[in-house]
Each structure stands twice: as C-alpha cells, then as structure tokens.
Amino acid sequence: MTSEVIDRVSSLRGEFSSSPESDSPERGFTMNDLVTSYLSTWNEQDADARAKLLADHWADNASYTDPLAEAAGRDAISATIGAVHEQFPGFVFTPVGDADGHHRQTRFQWGLGPEGAEPVVVGFDVVVTNDQGRIETVLGFLDRVPPTS
C-alpha cells in the first residue's frame, strides 16, 4: 500500500511542476508572473492605476484575508492597499525567495520595507486564481512585524 502511494506521488511530480518559471496550462502564465502582478498591485500608490491593475488581474469577487484585514471585492481590496501605503509611506513589496504552487494555488513570501533595504515586515501569501487566471482568493500571514510601541 505504501509503495503504491509513493509511486503515485512520484508520477504526479511530473504532471505538476512547482518551478516558478514553469508555465501553468490552467493559468497560461508562470507563478513568477502571478507574483509580479500581485506585488505590482500592492506597490501601486495611485488609486486609479491600482484600480486598473485590480481590473486586469483580479476577479470581480476577489477576497483578501490576513490577520489585520478582511476585504471582499476590488474596491475594498484597493482601500486595504491604500491603508497600507498610509501606514508605511515609501515602502515597497518585494518577493522573498521562490514561489511554489500547484493547480491554481501559489504560495510565496514577500517583504515590505524601504526600497533596497532589509524588509521591516515579512509575510507569506497563498493566492488562488479562478479558471481565467485572475486572482480570486488571497490568504495572508504575517511572519515578522515591527514591535508596537
């Protein structure tokens, strides 16, 4: 029985590559493309430009949840992103390490801090896309946050 499970897992490894550079037939782009468009949305300070990125890459019914925020819909997600820019002016989101994923799910770690400096905040997100490759669900976790006064 155990050998059957191991054989099945081994055969699946060939079917579902976790390489960030690999193309996903379900999404039509790479995990790195997904992470780039996701972080571009979070880095956009202009509300109108951010709304365009959300319309281009996020589903109408997208949701975002992390320990500090819960947002449903593009407008609420944009407001959440705007609030982060107010709290951390001039900071940028950058990828930390490689993305990993399967099916329509991608997980990756990110950093938030001054451009070119060590991130002040580090988090881990799981992004789920819909059948059209648009971001539908984001589950965020905070791994390192600055101490509160």
Protein backbone atom coordinates (compact mmCIF):
# COMPACT_ATOMS: atom_id res chain seq x y z
CA MET A 1 0.00 0.00 0.00
CA THR A 2 2.71 2.50 0.98
CA SER A 3 4.67 1.76 -2.19
CA GLU A 4 1.54 2.44 -4.27
CA VAL A 5 1.16 5.88 -2.67
CA ILE A 6 4.85 6.67 -3.21
CA ASP A 7 4.60 5.57 -6.86
CA ARG A 8 1.51 7.76 -7.36
CA VAL A 9 3.17 10.81 -5.78
CA SER A 10 6.26 10.25 -7.95
CA SER A 11 4.16 10.11 -11.09
CA LEU A 12 2.33 13.30 -10.11
CA ARG A 13 5.59 15.21 -9.74
CA GLY A 14 5.99 15.01 -13.49
CA GLU A 15 2.44 16.27 -14.07
CA PHE A 16 2.56 19.28 -11.73
CA SER A 17 5.80 21.20 -11.81
CA SER A 18 6.44 23.54 -8.91
CA SER A 19 9.07 25.53 -10.76
CA PRO A 20 8.28 29.25 -10.61
CA GLU A 21 9.35 29.57 -14.23
CA SER A 22 7.13 26.76 -15.49
CA ASP A 23 4.04 27.58 -17.47
CA SER A 24 0.77 26.52 -15.95
CA PRO A 25 -1.67 25.36 -18.61
CA GLU A 26 -4.53 26.29 -16.29
CA ARG A 27 -3.43 29.93 -16.00
CA GLY A 28 -1.44 30.47 -19.17
CA PHE A 29 1.39 32.22 -17.29
CA THR A 30 4.07 31.44 -14.77
CA MET A 31 3.95 31.65 -10.99
CA ASN A 32 6.50 34.44 -11.23
CA ASP A 33 4.09 36.35 -13.49
CA LEU A 34 1.37 35.94 -10.88
CA VAL A 35 3.62 37.13 -8.05
CA THR A 36 4.81 40.09 -10.15
CA SER A 37 1.27 41.25 -11.00
CA TYR A 38 0.16 40.71 -7.39
CA LEU A 39 3.04 42.72 -5.91
CA SER A 40 2.65 45.40 -8.61
CA THR A 41 -0.91 45.89 -7.40
CA TRP A 42 0.26 46.20 -3.80
CA ASN A 43 3.04 48.62 -4.79
CA GLU A 44 0.76 50.94 -6.78
CA GLN A 45 0.14 54.13 -4.82
CA ASP A 46 -2.15 55.84 -7.33
CA ALA A 47 -5.74 54.70 -6.71
CA ASP A 48 -6.76 54.90 -10.40
CA ALA A 49 -3.72 52.95 -11.60
CA ARG A 50 -4.30 50.43 -8.82
CA ALA A 51 -7.95 50.06 -9.90
CA LYS A 52 -6.74 49.21 -13.41
CA LEU A 53 -4.33 46.57 -12.08
CA LEU A 54 -7.12 45.10 -9.98
CA ALA A 55 -9.42 45.01 -13.03
CA ASP A 56 -6.70 43.40 -15.16
CA HIS A 57 -5.52 40.74 -12.71
CA TRP A 58 -8.13 40.20 -10.01
CA ALA A 59 -11.58 38.56 -10.22
CA ASP A 60 -14.68 40.68 -9.61
CA ASN A 61 -15.42 38.66 -6.48
CA ALA A 62 -11.82 38.61 -5.20
CA SER A 63 -11.25 38.38 -1.47
CA TYR A 64 -8.24 39.15 0.71
CA THR A 65 -7.77 37.99 4.31
CA ASP A 66 -4.80 38.41 6.64
CA PRO A 67 -4.52 38.77 10.44
CA LEU A 68 -5.20 42.53 10.23
CA ALA A 69 -7.68 42.89 7.37
CA GLU A 70 -10.53 41.21 5.57
CA ALA A 71 -11.65 42.65 2.25
CA ALA A 72 -14.16 41.43 -0.34
CA GLY A 73 -14.29 42.94 -3.81
CA ARG A 74 -11.82 45.06 -5.74
CA ASP A 75 -12.83 48.36 -4.12
CA ALA A 76 -12.34 47.01 -0.60
CA ILE A 77 -9.02 45.42 -1.58
CA SER A 78 -7.86 48.72 -3.09
CA ALA A 79 -8.83 50.54 0.12
CA THR A 80 -6.86 47.98 2.14
CA ILE A 81 -3.81 48.51 -0.06
CA GLY A 82 -4.21 52.29 0.27
CA ALA A 83 -4.29 51.96 4.06
CA VAL A 84 -1.01 50.01 3.98
CA HIS A 85 0.59 52.81 1.94
CA GLU A 86 -0.62 55.33 4.53
CA GLN A 87 0.81 53.25 7.38
CA PHE A 88 4.12 52.56 5.60
CA PRO A 89 4.78 55.55 3.28
CA GLY A 90 7.51 54.95 0.72
CA PHE A 91 7.79 51.23 1.46
CA VAL A 92 7.68 48.64 -1.33
CA PHE A 93 6.72 44.99 -1.50
CA THR A 94 9.36 42.61 -2.86
CA PRO A 95 9.41 38.84 -3.30
CA VAL A 96 11.42 36.86 -0.76
CA GLY A 97 12.51 33.51 -2.18
CA ASP A 98 10.78 31.48 -4.85
CA ALA A 99 7.11 30.89 -5.43
CA ASP A 100 5.69 27.39 -5.20
CA GLY A 101 2.36 26.11 -6.35
CA HIS A 102 0.08 23.54 -7.84
CA HIS A 103 -3.24 23.60 -9.61
CA ARG A 104 -4.49 27.18 -9.23
CA GLN A 105 -2.70 27.89 -5.93
CA THR A 106 0.57 29.74 -5.49
CA ARG A 107 2.36 30.44 -2.23
CA PHE A 108 5.21 32.86 -1.74
CA GLN A 109 6.91 35.02 0.84
CA TRP A 110 7.19 38.79 0.47
CA GLY A 111 8.91 41.63 2.27
CA LEU A 112 7.77 45.21 2.90
CA GLY A 113 10.31 47.92 3.58
CA PRO A 114 12.25 50.82 2.12
CA GLU A 115 13.39 50.09 -1.43
CA GLY A 116 16.77 48.34 -1.44
CA ALA A 117 16.76 47.80 2.33
CA GLU A 118 16.00 44.84 4.58
CA PRO A 119 12.21 44.39 4.84
CA VAL A 120 10.60 45.61 8.05
CA VAL A 121 7.60 43.32 7.57
CA VAL A 122 7.75 39.81 6.11
CA GLY A 123 4.68 37.84 5.15
CA PHE A 124 3.54 34.73 3.36
CA ASP A 125 0.57 34.67 0.99
CA VAL A 126 -1.38 31.94 -0.73
CA VAL A 127 -3.03 33.16 -3.92
CA VAL A 128 -5.77 31.15 -5.62
CA THR A 129 -6.78 32.00 -9.17
CA ASN A 130 -10.01 31.29 -10.99
CA ASP A 131 -10.32 29.41 -14.29
CA GLN A 132 -9.41 32.61 -16.20
CA GLY A 133 -6.19 33.05 -14.22
CA ARG A 134 -7.45 36.05 -12.24
CA ILE A 135 -6.69 36.33 -8.55
CA GLU A 136 -9.75 35.15 -6.67
CA THR A 137 -8.67 34.46 -3.09
CA VAL A 138 -5.68 35.62 -1.06
CA LEU A 139 -4.87 34.20 2.35
CA GLY A 140 -2.11 36.21 4.01
CA PHE A 141 0.06 35.51 7.02
CA LEU A 142 2.47 37.83 8.82
CA ASP A 143 5.78 36.20 9.69
CA ARG A 144 7.61 39.26 11.03
CA VAL A 145 6.14 42.59 12.06
CA PRO A 146 7.75 45.57 13.76
CA PRO A 147 7.20 45.81 17.51
CA THR A 148 4.42 48.12 18.61
CA SER A 149 5.12 50.97 20.99
